[in-house]
Amino acid sequence: MKIVILDGRKMTDRETAHLYLKRKLNLPEYYGKNLDALFDCLCEMNGTQIVLTYVAEMKDNLRRYANNIINVFEAAEEKNPKISFISEQLVDEL
């Protein structure tokens, strides 16, 4: 399984977040740089574990949008059994 580690500190605003996600997750050129497009791309991925680090910093930068991104990862994980998602926040809660 491929492991992709996402650094929440790199997502300083919406545009930068989507550019970073596109690069780190190797999303296709046609990626629409929005949450719906992110969900669609995640649902097509195979054999990938996504680890989100520095969640608090990401939330400081993106505010509510950070939670929206996390919700997309969680929803895609439910729909696509070929990916898994874990965030630093979840690890801290254990």
PDB file of N, CA and C in Angstrom:
ATOM      1  N   MET A   1       0.851  -1.182   0.000  1.00  0.00           N
ATOM      2  CA  MET A   1       0.000   0.000   0.000  1.00  0.00           C
ATOM      3  C   MET A   1       0.896   1.245   0.000  1.00  0.00           C
ATOM      4  N   LYS A   2       0.572   2.176  -0.829  1.00  0.00           N
ATOM      5  CA  LYS A   2       1.276   3.446  -0.898  1.00  0.00           C
ATOM      6  C   LYS A   2       0.836   4.322   0.277  1.00  0.00           C
ATOM      7  N   ILE A   3       1.794   4.994   0.905  1.00  0.00           N
ATOM      8  CA  ILE A   3       1.488   5.905   2.006  1.00  0.00           C
ATOM      9  C   ILE A   3       1.818   7.329   1.571  1.00  0.00           C
ATOM     10  N   VAL A   4       0.841   8.215   1.721  1.00  0.00           N
ATOM     11  CA  VAL A   4       1.022   9.629   1.402  1.00  0.00           C
ATOM     12  C   VAL A   4       0.853  10.418   2.692  1.00  0.00           C
ATOM     13  N   ILE A   5       1.885  11.153   3.070  1.00  0.00           N
ATOM     14  CA  ILE A   5       1.819  11.971   4.272  1.00  0.00           C
ATOM     15  C   ILE A   5       1.580  13.416   3.860  1.00  0.00           C
ATOM     16  N   LEU A   6       0.482  13.968   4.349  1.00  0.00           N
ATOM     17  CA  LEU A   6       0.119  15.351   4.060  1.00  0.00           C
ATOM     18  C   LEU A   6       0.470  16.222   5.258  1.00  0.00           C
ATOM     19  N   ASP A   7       1.129  17.327   4.997  1.00  0.00           N
ATOM     20  CA  ASP A   7       1.540  18.270   6.034  1.00  0.00           C
ATOM     21  C   ASP A   7       0.534  19.416   6.060  1.00  0.00           C
ATOM     22  N   GLY A   8      -0.294  19.463   7.103  1.00  0.00           N
ATOM     23  CA  GLY A   8      -1.326  20.487   7.206  1.00  0.00           C
ATOM     24  C   GLY A   8      -0.789  21.904   7.198  1.00  0.00           C
ATOM     25  N   ARG A   9       0.467  22.088   7.585  1.00  0.00           N
ATOM     26  CA  ARG A   9       1.062  23.435   7.581  1.00  0.00           C
ATOM     27  C   ARG A   9       1.216  23.994   6.177  1.00  0.00           C
ATOM     28  N   LYS A  10       1.246  23.120   5.193  1.00  0.00           N
ATOM     29  CA  LYS A  10       1.426  23.548   3.799  1.00  0.00           C
ATOM     30  C   LYS A  10       0.133  24.091   3.198  1.00  0.00           C
ATOM     31  N   MET A  11      -0.984  23.880   3.863  1.00  0.00           N
ATOM     32  CA  MET A  11      -2.277  24.303   3.338  1.00  0.00           C
ATOM     33  C   MET A  11      -2.679  25.612   4.027  1.00  0.00           C
ATOM     34  N   THR A  12      -2.211  26.700   3.472  1.00  0.00           N
ATOM     35  CA  THR A  12      -2.376  28.014   4.108  1.00  0.00           C
ATOM     36  C   THR A  12      -3.630  28.753   3.664  1.00  0.00           C
ATOM     37  N   ASP A  13      -4.166  28.401   2.510  1.00  0.00           N
ATOM     38  CA  ASP A  13      -5.426  28.952   2.019  1.00  0.00           C
ATOM     39  C   ASP A  13      -6.029  27.923   1.074  1.00  0.00           C
ATOM     40  N   ARG A  14      -7.241  28.150   0.635  1.00  0.00           N
ATOM     41  CA  ARG A  14      -7.941  27.148  -0.188  1.00  0.00           C
ATOM     42  C   ARG A  14      -7.187  26.797  -1.459  1.00  0.00           C
ATOM     43  N   GLU A  15      -6.741  27.806  -2.180  1.00  0.00           N
ATOM     44  CA  GLU A  15      -6.054  27.549  -3.448  1.00  0.00           C
ATOM     45  C   GLU A  15      -4.765  26.767  -3.225  1.00  0.00           C
ATOM     46  N   THR A  16      -3.991  27.203  -2.259  1.00  0.00           N
ATOM     47  CA  THR A  16      -2.735  26.517  -1.956  1.00  0.00           C
ATOM     48  C   THR A  16      -3.009  25.087  -1.499  1.00  0.00           C
ATOM     49  N   ALA A  17      -4.056  24.902  -0.713  1.00  0.00           N
ATOM     50  CA  ALA A  17      -4.412  23.561  -0.240  1.00  0.00           C
ATOM     51  C   ALA A  17      -4.692  22.632  -1.410  1.00  0.00           C
ATOM     52  N   HIS A  18      -5.480  23.092  -2.363  1.00  0.00           N
ATOM     53  CA  HIS A  18      -5.820  22.222  -3.492  1.00  0.00           C
ATOM     54  C   HIS A  18      -4.618  21.966  -4.393  1.00  0.00           C
ATOM     55  N   LEU A  19      -3.768  22.943  -4.568  1.00  0.00           N
ATOM     56  CA  LEU A  19      -2.546  22.717  -5.351  1.00  0.00           C
ATOM     57  C   LEU A  19      -1.637  21.708  -4.650  1.00  0.00           C
ATOM     58  N   TYR A  20      -1.530  21.822  -3.347  1.00  0.00           N
ATOM     59  CA  TYR A  20      -0.722  20.892  -2.563  1.00  0.00           C
ATOM     60  C   TYR A  20      -1.306  19.477  -2.629  1.00  0.00           C
ATOM     61  N   LEU A  21      -2.618  19.360  -2.439  1.00  0.00           N
ATOM     62  CA  LEU A  21      -3.257  18.050  -2.513  1.00  0.00           C
ATOM     63  C   LEU A  21      -3.093  17.424  -3.893  1.00  0.00           C
ATOM     64  N   LYS A  22      -3.212  18.238  -4.919  1.00  0.00           N
ATOM     65  CA  LYS A  22      -3.053  17.739  -6.290  1.00  0.00           C
ATOM     66  C   LYS A  22      -1.663  17.138  -6.480  1.00  0.00           C
ATOM     67  N   ARG A  23      -0.662  17.858  -5.989  1.00  0.00           N
ATOM     68  CA  ARG A  23       0.716  17.401  -6.161  1.00  0.00           C
ATOM     69  C   ARG A  23       0.999  16.162  -5.300  1.00  0.00           C
ATOM     70  N   LYS A  24       0.658  16.220  -4.027  1.00  0.00           N
ATOM     71  CA  LYS A  24       0.982  15.121  -3.112  1.00  0.00           C
ATOM     72  C   LYS A  24       0.208  13.836  -3.424  1.00  0.00           C
ATOM     73  N   LEU A  25      -1.047  13.980  -3.833  1.00  0.00           N
ATOM     74  CA  LEU A  25      -1.873  12.810  -4.124  1.00  0.00           C
ATOM     75  C   LEU A  25      -1.804  12.385  -5.582  1.00  0.00           C
ATOM     76  N   ASN A  26      -1.003  13.119  -6.356  1.00  0.00           N
ATOM     77  CA  ASN A  26      -0.832  12.821  -7.782  1.00  0.00           C
ATOM     78  C   ASN A  26      -2.190  12.784  -8.493  1.00  0.00           C
ATOM     79  N   LEU A  27      -2.982  13.833  -8.252  1.00  0.00           N
ATOM     80  CA  LEU A  27      -4.311  13.922  -8.860  1.00  0.00           C
ATOM     81  C   LEU A  27      -4.182  14.310 -10.333  1.00  0.00           C
ATOM     82  N   PRO A  28      -5.156  13.936 -11.140  1.00  0.00           N
ATOM     83  CA  PRO A  28      -5.063  14.183 -12.590  1.00  0.00           C
ATOM     84  C   PRO A  28      -5.116  15.669 -12.942  1.00  0.00           C
ATOM     85  N   GLU A  29      -4.657  15.972 -14.123  1.00  0.00           N
ATOM     86  CA  GLU A  29      -4.625  17.363 -14.610  1.00  0.00           C
ATOM     87  C   GLU A  29      -6.005  18.007 -14.568  1.00  0.00           C
ATOM     88  N   TYR A  30      -7.033  17.228 -14.819  1.00  0.00           N
ATOM     89  CA  TYR A  30      -8.395  17.782 -14.861  1.00  0.00           C
ATOM     90  C   TYR A  30      -8.989  18.011 -13.472  1.00  0.00           C
ATOM     91  N   TYR A  31      -8.210  17.756 -12.419  1.00  0.00           N
ATOM     92  CA  TYR A  31      -8.692  17.960 -11.058  1.00  0.00           C
ATOM     93  C   TYR A  31      -9.233  19.378 -10.911  1.00  0.00           C
ATOM     94  N   GLY A  32     -10.463  19.505 -10.434  1.00  0.00           N
ATOM     95  CA  GLY A  32     -11.160  20.786 -10.408  1.00  0.00           C
ATOM     96  C   GLY A  32     -10.845  21.697  -9.239  1.00  0.00           C
ATOM     97  N   LYS A  33      -9.949  21.287  -8.363  1.00  0.00           N
ATOM     98  CA  LYS A  33      -9.520  22.123  -7.228  1.00  0.00           C
ATOM     99  C   LYS A  33     -10.690  22.571  -6.355  1.00  0.00           C
ATOM    100  N   ASN A  34     -11.559  21.631  -6.042  1.00  0.00           N
ATOM    101  CA  ASN A  34     -12.657  21.888  -5.110  1.00  0.00           C
ATOM    102  C   ASN A  34     -12.972  20.589  -4.381  1.00  0.00           C
ATOM    103  N   LEU A  35     -13.816  20.664  -3.378  1.00  0.00           N
ATOM    104  CA  LEU A  35     -14.073  19.498  -2.538  1.00  0.00           C
ATOM    105  C   LEU A  35     -14.784  18.365  -3.279  1.00  0.00           C
ATOM    106  N   ASP A  36     -15.687  18.702  -4.169  1.00  0.00           N
ATOM    107  CA  ASP A  36     -16.375  17.658  -4.948  1.00  0.00           C
ATOM    108  C   ASP A  36     -15.382  16.905  -5.829  1.00  0.00           C
ATOM    109  N   ALA A  37     -14.491  17.640  -6.464  1.00  0.00           N
ATOM    110  CA  ALA A  37     -13.482  17.011  -7.320  1.00  0.00           C
ATOM    111  C   ALA A  37     -12.521  16.164  -6.484  1.00  0.00           C
ATOM    112  N   LEU A  38     -12.166  16.650  -5.299  1.00  0.00           N
ATOM    113  CA  LEU A  38     -11.295  15.874  -4.412  1.00  0.00           C
ATOM    114  C   LEU A  38     -11.963  14.548  -4.051  1.00  0.00           C
ATOM    115  N   PHE A  39     -13.220  14.606  -3.674  1.00  0.00           N
ATOM    116  CA  PHE A  39     -13.958  13.392  -3.335  1.00  0.00           C
ATOM    117  C   PHE A  39     -13.966  12.413  -4.504  1.00  0.00           C
ATOM    118  N   ASP A  40     -14.274  12.902  -5.691  1.00  0.00           N
ATOM    119  CA  ASP A  40     -14.320  12.041  -6.876  1.00  0.00           C
ATOM    120  C   ASP A  40     -12.978  11.367  -7.123  1.00  0.00           C
ATOM    121  N   CYS A  41     -11.902  12.127  -7.016  1.00  0.00           N
ATOM    122  CA  CYS A  41     -10.562  11.570  -7.251  1.00  0.00           C
ATOM    123  C   CYS A  41     -10.195  10.552  -6.175  1.00  0.00           C
ATOM    124  N   LEU A  42     -10.515  10.839  -4.931  1.00  0.00           N
ATOM    125  CA  LEU A  42     -10.214   9.900  -3.848  1.00  0.00           C
ATOM    126  C   LEU A  42     -10.973   8.590  -4.025  1.00  0.00           C
ATOM    127  N   CYS A  43     -12.180   8.675  -4.543  1.00  0.00           N
ATOM    128  CA  CYS A  43     -12.990   7.475  -4.751  1.00  0.00           C
ATOM    129  C   CYS A  43     -12.449   6.598  -5.880  1.00  0.00           C
ATOM    130  N   GLU A  44     -11.563   7.139  -6.693  1.00  0.00           N
ATOM    131  CA  GLU A  44     -10.961   6.384  -7.795  1.00  0.00           C
ATOM    132  C   GLU A  44      -9.575   5.836  -7.452  1.00  0.00           C
ATOM    133  N   MET A  45      -9.035   6.201  -6.294  1.00  0.00           N
ATOM    134  CA  MET A  45      -7.683   5.782  -5.910  1.00  0.00           C
ATOM    135  C   MET A  45      -7.649   4.325  -5.498  1.00  0.00           C
ATOM    136  N   ASN A  46      -6.470   3.731  -5.643  1.00  0.00           N
ATOM    137  CA  ASN A  46      -6.258   2.340  -5.261  1.00  0.00           C
ATOM    138  C   ASN A  46      -5.069   2.228  -4.316  1.00  0.00           C
ATOM    139  N   GLY A  47      -5.220   1.443  -3.282  1.00  0.00           N
ATOM    140  CA  GLY A  47      -4.108   1.087  -2.422  1.00  0.00           C
ATOM    141  C   GLY A  47      -3.331   2.246  -1.847  1.00  0.00           C
ATOM    142  N   THR A  48      -4.017   3.194  -1.254  1.00  0.00           N
ATOM    143  CA  THR A  48      -3.349   4.376  -0.717  1.00  0.00           C
ATOM    144  C   THR A  48      -3.802   4.637   0.711  1.00  0.00           C
ATOM    145  N   GLN A  49      -2.822   4.843   1.575  1.00  0.00           N
ATOM    146  CA  GLN A  49      -3.101   5.299   2.932  1.00  0.00           C
ATOM    147  C   GLN A  49      -2.693   6.763   3.000  1.00  0.00           C
ATOM    148  N   ILE A  50      -3.604   7.609   3.445  1.00  0.00           N
ATOM    149  CA  ILE A  50      -3.372   9.048   3.535  1.00  0.00           C
ATOM    150  C   ILE A  50      -3.269   9.414   5.008  1.00  0.00           C
ATOM    151  N   VAL A  51      -2.158  10.029   5.367  1.00  0.00           N
ATOM    152  CA  VAL A  51      -1.913  10.430   6.748  1.00  0.00           C
ATOM    153  C   VAL A  51      -1.810  11.949   6.777  1.00  0.00           C
ATOM    154  N   LEU A  52      -2.673  12.581   7.527  1.00  0.00           N
ATOM    155  CA  LEU A  52      -2.678  14.041   7.638  1.00  0.00           C
ATOM    156  C   LEU A  52      -2.027  14.443   8.955  1.00  0.00           C
ATOM    157  N   THR A  53      -0.958  15.217   8.860  1.00  0.00           N
ATOM    158  CA  THR A  53      -0.242  15.695  10.037  1.00  0.00           C
ATOM    159  C   THR A  53      -0.469  17.196  10.207  1.00  0.00           C
ATOM    160  N   TYR A  54      -0.151  17.695  11.371  1.00  0.00           N
ATOM    161  CA  TYR A  54      -0.280  19.123  11.691  1.00  0.00           C
ATOM    162  C   TYR A  54      -1.701  19.642  11.425  1.00  0.00           C
ATOM    163  N   VAL A  55      -2.655  18.892  11.948  1.00  0.00           N
ATOM    164  CA  VAL A  55      -4.068  19.231  11.764  1.00  0.00           C
ATOM    165  C   VAL A  55      -4.400  20.574  12.420  1.00  0.00           C
ATOM    166  N   ALA A  56      -3.891  20.817  13.613  1.00  0.00           N
ATOM    167  CA  ALA A  56      -4.199  22.069  14.319  1.00  0.00           C
ATOM    168  C   ALA A  56      -3.741  23.280  13.513  1.00  0.00           C
ATOM    169  N   GLU A  57      -2.558  23.184  12.936  1.00  0.00           N
ATOM    170  CA  GLU A  57      -2.040  24.286  12.121  1.00  0.00           C
ATOM    171  C   GLU A  57      -2.887  24.490  10.870  1.00  0.00           C
ATOM    172  N   MET A  58      -3.310  23.377  10.280  1.00  0.00           N
ATOM    173  CA  MET A  58      -4.181  23.458   9.100  1.00  0.00           C
ATOM    174  C   MET A  58      -5.492  24.154   9.465  1.00  0.00           C
ATOM    175  N   LYS A  59      -6.051  23.812  10.628  1.00  0.00           N
ATOM    176  CA  LYS A  59      -7.300  24.437  11.068  1.00  0.00           C
ATOM    177  C   LYS A  59      -7.103  25.914  11.381  1.00  0.00           C
ATOM    178  N   ASP A  60      -5.938  26.271  11.911  1.00  0.00           N
ATOM    179  CA  ASP A  60      -5.647  27.691  12.149  1.00  0.00           C
ATOM    180  C   ASP A  60      -5.656  28.469  10.836  1.00  0.00           C
ATOM    181  N   ASN A  61      -5.086  27.874   9.799  1.00  0.00           N
ATOM    182  CA  ASN A  61      -4.992  28.545   8.500  1.00  0.00           C
ATOM    183  C   ASN A  61      -6.307  28.554   7.732  1.00  0.00           C
ATOM    184  N   LEU A  62      -6.966  27.421   7.687  1.00  0.00           N
ATOM    185  CA  LEU A  62      -8.141  27.260   6.812  1.00  0.00           C
ATOM    186  C   LEU A  62      -9.478  27.392   7.533  1.00  0.00           C
ATOM    187  N   ARG A  63      -9.427  27.411   8.832  1.00  0.00           N
ATOM    188  CA  ARG A  63     -10.635  27.506   9.660  1.00  0.00           C
ATOM    189  C   ARG A  63     -11.613  26.388   9.328  1.00  0.00           C
ATOM    190  N   ARG A  64     -12.860  26.709   9.022  1.00  0.00           N
ATOM    191  CA  ARG A  64     -13.885  25.686   8.763  1.00  0.00           C
ATOM    192  C   ARG A  64     -13.559  24.824   7.544  1.00  0.00           C
ATOM    193  N   TYR A  65     -12.858  25.401   6.581  1.00  0.00           N
ATOM    194  CA  TYR A  65     -12.547  24.658   5.357  1.00  0.00           C
ATOM    195  C   TYR A  65     -11.670  23.441   5.658  1.00  0.00           C
ATOM    196  N   ALA A  66     -10.847  23.530   6.699  1.00  0.00           N
ATOM    197  CA  ALA A  66     -10.024  22.382   7.102  1.00  0.00           C
ATOM    198  C   ALA A  66     -10.914  21.205   7.486  1.00  0.00           C
ATOM    199  N   ASN A  67     -11.961  21.473   8.255  1.00  0.00           N
ATOM    200  CA  ASN A  67     -12.900  20.408   8.625  1.00  0.00           C
ATOM    201  C   ASN A  67     -13.593  19.838   7.404  1.00  0.00           C
ATOM    202  N   ASN A  68     -13.890  20.688   6.428  1.00  0.00           N
ATOM    203  CA  ASN A  68     -14.521  20.217   5.195  1.00  0.00           C
ATOM    204  C   ASN A  68     -13.600  19.256   4.449  1.00  0.00           C
ATOM    205  N   ILE A  69     -12.318  19.588   4.389  1.00  0.00           N
ATOM    206  CA  ILE A  69     -11.353  18.710   3.720  1.00  0.00           C
ATOM    207  C   ILE A  69     -11.282  17.370   4.454  1.00  0.00           C
ATOM    208  N   ILE A  70     -11.186  17.420   5.768  1.00  0.00           N
ATOM    209  CA  ILE A  70     -11.126  16.190   6.559  1.00  0.00           C
ATOM    210  C   ILE A  70     -12.393  15.356   6.348  1.00  0.00           C
ATOM    211  N   ASN A  71     -13.545  16.002   6.312  1.00  0.00           N
ATOM    212  CA  ASN A  71     -14.802  15.291   6.063  1.00  0.00           C
ATOM    213  C   ASN A  71     -14.806  14.597   4.706  1.00  0.00           C
ATOM    214  N   VAL A  72     -14.207  15.243   3.706  1.00  0.00           N
ATOM    215  CA  VAL A  72     -14.123  14.631   2.373  1.00  0.00           C
ATOM    216  C   VAL A  72     -13.259  13.373   2.427  1.00  0.00           C
ATOM    217  N   PHE A  73     -12.117  13.450   3.102  1.00  0.00           N
ATOM    218  CA  PHE A  73     -11.266  12.269   3.233  1.00  0.00           C
ATOM    219  C   PHE A  73     -12.005  11.139   3.944  1.00  0.00           C
ATOM    220  N   GLU A  74     -12.720  11.455   5.002  1.00  0.00           N
ATOM    221  CA  GLU A  74     -13.456  10.438   5.751  1.00  0.00           C
ATOM    222  C   GLU A  74     -14.588   9.834   4.924  1.00  0.00           C
ATOM    223  N   ALA A  75     -15.302  10.663   4.179  1.00  0.00           N
ATOM    224  CA  ALA A  75     -16.394  10.161   3.333  1.00  0.00           C
ATOM    225  C   ALA A  75     -15.850   9.288   2.206  1.00  0.00           C
ATOM    226  N   ALA A  76     -14.742   9.691   1.629  1.00  0.00           N
ATOM    227  CA  ALA A  76     -14.151   8.899   0.548  1.00  0.00           C
ATOM    228  C   ALA A  76     -13.653   7.559   1.075  1.00  0.00           C
ATOM    229  N   GLU A  77     -13.111   7.565   2.279  1.00  0.00           N
ATOM    230  CA  GLU A  77     -12.649   6.313   2.885  1.00  0.00           C
ATOM    231  C   GLU A  77     -13.817   5.347   3.086  1.00  0.00           C
ATOM    232  N   GLU A  78     -14.965   5.873   3.477  1.00  0.00           N
ATOM    233  CA  GLU A  78     -16.152   5.031   3.643  1.00  0.00           C
ATOM    234  C   GLU A  78     -16.624   4.446   2.319  1.00  0.00           C
ATOM    235  N   LYS A  79     -16.535   5.244   1.276  1.00  0.00           N
ATOM    236  CA  LYS A  79     -17.020   4.803  -0.039  1.00  0.00           C
ATOM    237  C   LYS A  79     -16.014   3.907  -0.760  1.00  0.00           C
ATOM    238  N   ASN A  80     -14.735   4.186  -0.590  1.00  0.00           N
ATOM    239  CA  ASN A  80     -13.697   3.470  -1.327  1.00  0.00           C
ATOM    240  C   ASN A  80     -12.863   2.634  -0.354  1.00  0.00           C
ATOM    241  N   PRO A  81     -13.069   1.323  -0.328  1.00  0.00           N
ATOM    242  CA  PRO A  81     -12.313   0.472   0.597  1.00  0.00           C
ATOM    243  C   PRO A  81     -10.831   0.335   0.222  1.00  0.00           C
ATOM    244  N   LYS A  82     -10.432   0.892  -0.900  1.00  0.00           N
ATOM    245  CA  LYS A  82      -9.043   0.787  -1.347  1.00  0.00           C
ATOM    246  C   LYS A  82      -8.168   1.930  -0.848  1.00  0.00           C
ATOM    247  N   ILE A  83      -8.742   2.813  -0.038  1.00  0.00           N
ATOM    248  CA  ILE A  83      -7.953   3.875   0.589  1.00  0.00           C
ATOM    249  C   ILE A  83      -8.221   3.878   2.087  1.00  0.00           C
ATOM    250  N   SER A  84      -7.286   4.422   2.827  1.00  0.00           N
ATOM    251  CA  SER A  84      -7.525   4.638   4.252  1.00  0.00           C
ATOM    252  C   SER A  84      -7.017   6.027   4.607  1.00  0.00           C
ATOM    253  N   PHE A  85      -7.611   6.598   5.625  1.00  0.00           N
ATOM    254  CA  PHE A  85      -7.278   7.951   6.051  1.00  0.00           C
ATOM    255  C   PHE A  85      -7.104   7.981   7.553  1.00  0.00           C
ATOM    256  N   ILE A  86      -6.046   8.616   7.985  1.00  0.00           N
ATOM    257  CA  ILE A  86      -5.840   8.849   9.411  1.00  0.00           C
ATOM    258  C   ILE A  86      -5.274  10.257   9.564  1.00  0.00           C
ATOM    259  N   SER A  87      -5.716  10.932  10.594  1.00  0.00           N
ATOM    260  CA  SER A  87      -5.199  12.261  10.851  1.00  0.00           C
ATOM    261  C   SER A  87      -4.498  12.289  12.193  1.00  0.00           C
ATOM    262  N   GLU A  88      -3.544  13.172  12.321  1.00  0.00           N
ATOM    263  CA  GLU A  88      -2.835  13.363  13.578  1.00  0.00           C
ATOM    264  C   GLU A  88      -3.823  13.605  14.710  1.00  0.00           C
ATOM    265  N   GLN A  89      -4.894  14.288  14.408  1.00  0.00           N
ATOM    266  CA  GLN A  89      -5.932  14.579  15.398  1.00  0.00           C
ATOM    267  C   GLN A  89      -6.496  13.292  15.978  1.00  0.00           C
ATOM    268  N   LEU A  90      -6.745  12.303  15.122  1.00  0.00           N
ATOM    269  CA  LEU A  90      -7.280  11.027  15.582  1.00  0.00           C
ATOM    270  C   LEU A  90      -6.272  10.301  16.452  1.00  0.00           C
ATOM    271  N   VAL A  91      -5.014  10.360  16.091  1.00  0.00           N
ATOM    272  CA  VAL A  91      -3.965   9.716  16.869  1.00  0.00           C
ATOM    273  C   VAL A  91      -3.888  10.341  18.255  1.00  0.00           C
ATOM    274  N   ASP A  92      -3.989  11.666  18.321  1.00  0.00           N
ATOM    275  CA  ASP A  92      -3.923  12.360  19.600  1.00  0.00           C
ATOM    276  C   ASP A  92      -5.080  12.008  20.521  1.00  0.00           C
ATOM    277  N   GLU A  93      -6.226  11.661  19.939  1.00  0.00           N
ATOM    278  CA  GLU A  93      -7.405  11.352  20.734  1.00  0.00           C
ATOM    279  C   GLU A  93      -7.365   9.946  21.326  1.00  0.00           C
ATOM    280  N   LEU A  94      -6.510   9.085  20.797  1.00  0.00           N
ATOM    281  CA  LEU A  94      -6.431   7.683  21.271  1.00  0.00           C
ATOM    282  C   LEU A  94      -5.738   7.574  22.615  1.00  0.00           C
TER     283      LEU A  94
END
